[in-house]
Amino acid sequence: METAEPVTGDYPTVPRLPLLTPAEARDAVGYLRLLESLDLTPRGQAAGQLAGDLARRLSAQ
């Protein structure tokens, strides 16, 4: 049975940006709420649920 080579690599020294900034996350929540109001299917309901979940995770700033 063969074994795989060890994984080696370098980690970046420059800090990574967050996936979304707080302002971008608030915009995304707004767009999800808009989608909820325009799409009356279960997909729109899911967008509203996701918007609520994300909004609770954002700081109030």
N, C-alpha and C. Protein backbone atom coordinates (compact mmCIF):
# COMPACT_ATOMS: atom_id res chain seq x y z
N MET A 1 0.86 -1.18 0.00
CA MET A 1 0.00 0.00 0.00
C MET A 1 0.90 1.24 0.00
N GLU A 2 0.61 2.14 -0.92
CA GLU A 2 1.41 3.36 -1.03
C GLU A 2 0.85 4.43 -0.12
N THR A 3 1.72 5.26 0.38
CA THR A 3 1.28 6.40 1.19
C THR A 3 1.48 7.67 0.38
N ALA A 4 0.69 8.63 0.65
CA ALA A 4 0.76 9.91 -0.07
C ALA A 4 1.94 10.72 0.45
N GLU A 5 2.42 11.57 -0.40
CA GLU A 5 3.48 12.49 0.00
C GLU A 5 2.92 13.48 1.03
N PRO A 6 3.75 13.92 1.97
CA PRO A 6 3.25 14.91 2.93
C PRO A 6 2.89 16.22 2.22
N VAL A 7 1.86 16.85 2.71
CA VAL A 7 1.43 18.12 2.14
C VAL A 7 2.27 19.23 2.74
N THR A 8 2.88 20.01 1.88
CA THR A 8 3.68 21.14 2.36
C THR A 8 3.19 22.39 1.66
N GLY A 9 3.41 23.52 2.26
CA GLY A 9 3.00 24.78 1.65
C GLY A 9 3.32 25.93 2.57
N ASP A 10 3.14 27.09 2.07
CA ASP A 10 3.37 28.31 2.83
C ASP A 10 2.04 28.99 3.12
N TYR A 11 1.96 29.58 4.27
CA TYR A 11 0.79 30.38 4.61
C TYR A 11 1.08 31.82 4.23
N PRO A 12 0.09 32.54 3.71
CA PRO A 12 0.35 33.93 3.34
C PRO A 12 0.65 34.77 4.57
N THR A 13 1.55 35.71 4.41
CA THR A 13 1.89 36.60 5.53
C THR A 13 0.94 37.80 5.59
N VAL A 14 0.32 38.12 4.47
CA VAL A 14 -0.61 39.24 4.43
C VAL A 14 -1.96 38.76 4.99
N PRO A 15 -2.54 39.52 5.95
CA PRO A 15 -3.84 39.09 6.48
C PRO A 15 -4.90 39.07 5.39
N ARG A 16 -5.76 38.09 5.47
CA ARG A 16 -6.83 37.97 4.50
C ARG A 16 -7.99 38.87 4.88
N LEU A 17 -8.68 39.33 3.86
CA LEU A 17 -9.88 40.13 4.10
C LEU A 17 -11.02 39.20 4.50
N PRO A 18 -11.97 39.69 5.29
CA PRO A 18 -13.13 38.85 5.59
C PRO A 18 -13.90 38.56 4.32
N LEU A 19 -14.68 37.51 4.34
CA LEU A 19 -15.48 37.17 3.17
C LEU A 19 -16.38 38.33 2.77
N LEU A 20 -16.99 38.94 3.75
CA LEU A 20 -17.84 40.11 3.53
C LEU A 20 -17.53 41.14 4.60
N THR A 21 -17.53 42.40 4.21
CA THR A 21 -17.43 43.45 5.21
C THR A 21 -18.80 43.58 5.87
N PRO A 22 -18.87 44.20 7.03
CA PRO A 22 -20.19 44.38 7.66
C PRO A 22 -21.17 45.14 6.75
N ALA A 23 -20.69 46.14 6.04
CA ALA A 23 -21.59 46.89 5.14
C ALA A 23 -22.09 46.00 4.01
N GLU A 24 -21.21 45.17 3.46
CA GLU A 24 -21.62 44.26 2.40
C GLU A 24 -22.62 43.23 2.93
N ALA A 25 -22.42 42.77 4.15
CA ALA A 25 -23.34 41.79 4.73
C ALA A 25 -24.71 42.42 4.94
N ARG A 26 -24.75 43.68 5.39
CA ARG A 26 -26.04 44.36 5.56
C ARG A 26 -26.73 44.54 4.21
N ASP A 27 -25.95 44.87 3.17
CA ASP A 27 -26.53 44.98 1.83
C ASP A 27 -27.12 43.63 1.39
N ALA A 28 -26.38 42.56 1.65
CA ALA A 28 -26.86 41.23 1.27
C ALA A 28 -28.16 40.90 1.98
N VAL A 29 -28.27 41.25 3.26
CA VAL A 29 -29.50 41.02 4.00
C VAL A 29 -30.64 41.81 3.36
N GLY A 30 -30.38 43.04 2.97
CA GLY A 30 -31.40 43.85 2.30
C GLY A 30 -31.86 43.23 0.99
N TYR A 31 -30.91 42.72 0.21
CA TYR A 31 -31.27 42.08 -1.06
C TYR A 31 -32.06 40.79 -0.83
N LEU A 32 -31.70 40.04 0.22
CA LEU A 32 -32.45 38.83 0.53
C LEU A 32 -33.88 39.17 0.96
N ARG A 33 -34.03 40.23 1.74
CA ARG A 33 -35.38 40.66 2.15
C ARG A 33 -36.20 41.09 0.93
N LEU A 34 -35.54 41.79 -0.01
CA LEU A 34 -36.23 42.19 -1.23
C LEU A 34 -36.66 40.97 -2.03
N LEU A 35 -35.78 40.00 -2.14
CA LEU A 35 -36.12 38.76 -2.84
C LEU A 35 -37.31 38.07 -2.17
N GLU A 36 -37.33 38.09 -0.84
CA GLU A 36 -38.45 37.48 -0.11
C GLU A 36 -39.76 38.16 -0.48
N SER A 37 -39.72 39.48 -0.60
CA SER A 37 -40.97 40.20 -0.88
C SER A 37 -41.42 40.03 -2.33
N LEU A 38 -40.49 39.76 -3.24
CA LEU A 38 -40.84 39.63 -4.65
C LEU A 38 -41.14 38.20 -5.07
N ASP A 39 -40.59 37.24 -4.37
CA ASP A 39 -40.76 35.83 -4.73
C ASP A 39 -41.63 35.16 -3.67
N LEU A 40 -42.86 34.86 -4.01
CA LEU A 40 -43.80 34.31 -3.04
C LEU A 40 -43.75 32.78 -2.97
N THR A 41 -42.75 32.19 -3.57
CA THR A 41 -42.58 30.74 -3.54
C THR A 41 -41.76 30.35 -2.30
N PRO A 42 -41.60 29.07 -2.04
CA PRO A 42 -40.75 28.65 -0.93
C PRO A 42 -39.31 29.19 -1.03
N ARG A 43 -38.88 29.45 -2.26
CA ARG A 43 -37.54 30.02 -2.43
C ARG A 43 -37.46 31.41 -1.80
N GLY A 44 -38.50 32.20 -1.98
CA GLY A 44 -38.55 33.53 -1.36
C GLY A 44 -38.61 33.43 0.16
N GLN A 45 -39.37 32.47 0.65
CA GLN A 45 -39.42 32.25 2.10
C GLN A 45 -38.05 31.87 2.64
N ALA A 46 -37.33 31.04 1.90
CA ALA A 46 -35.99 30.63 2.32
C ALA A 46 -35.05 31.83 2.34
N ALA A 47 -35.21 32.73 1.37
CA ALA A 47 -34.38 33.95 1.34
C ALA A 47 -34.66 34.79 2.58
N GLY A 48 -35.93 34.89 2.96
CA GLY A 48 -36.28 35.65 4.16
C GLY A 48 -35.72 35.02 5.42
N GLN A 49 -35.76 33.69 5.49
CA GLN A 49 -35.20 32.99 6.65
C GLN A 49 -33.70 33.22 6.74
N LEU A 50 -33.02 33.12 5.60
CA LEU A 50 -31.58 33.36 5.58
C LEU A 50 -31.27 34.79 5.96
N ALA A 51 -32.05 35.74 5.47
CA ALA A 51 -31.85 37.15 5.83
C ALA A 51 -31.97 37.34 7.34
N GLY A 52 -32.97 36.72 7.94
CA GLY A 52 -33.14 36.85 9.39
C GLY A 52 -31.98 36.23 10.15
N ASP A 53 -31.54 35.06 9.70
CA ASP A 53 -30.41 34.41 10.35
C ASP A 53 -29.14 35.25 10.26
N LEU A 54 -28.89 35.79 9.07
CA LEU A 54 -27.69 36.63 8.91
C LEU A 54 -27.80 37.93 9.70
N ALA A 55 -28.97 38.54 9.70
CA ALA A 55 -29.15 39.80 10.41
C ALA A 55 -28.89 39.64 11.91
N ARG A 56 -29.29 38.50 12.47
CA ARG A 56 -29.03 38.27 13.90
C ARG A 56 -27.55 38.12 14.20
N ARG A 57 -26.76 37.73 13.22
CA ARG A 57 -25.33 37.53 13.42
C ARG A 57 -24.52 38.79 13.23
N LEU A 58 -25.13 39.84 12.65
CA LEU A 58 -24.42 41.09 12.41
C LEU A 58 -24.45 41.95 13.66
N SER A 59 -23.39 42.73 13.84
CA SER A 59 -23.40 43.67 14.95
C SER A 59 -24.35 44.81 14.62
N ALA A 60 -24.77 45.53 15.62
CA ALA A 60 -25.77 46.58 15.45
C ALA A 60 -25.16 47.90 14.99
N GLN A 61 -23.92 47.92 14.61
CA GLN A 61 -23.25 49.17 14.23
C GLN A 61 -23.81 49.75 12.97
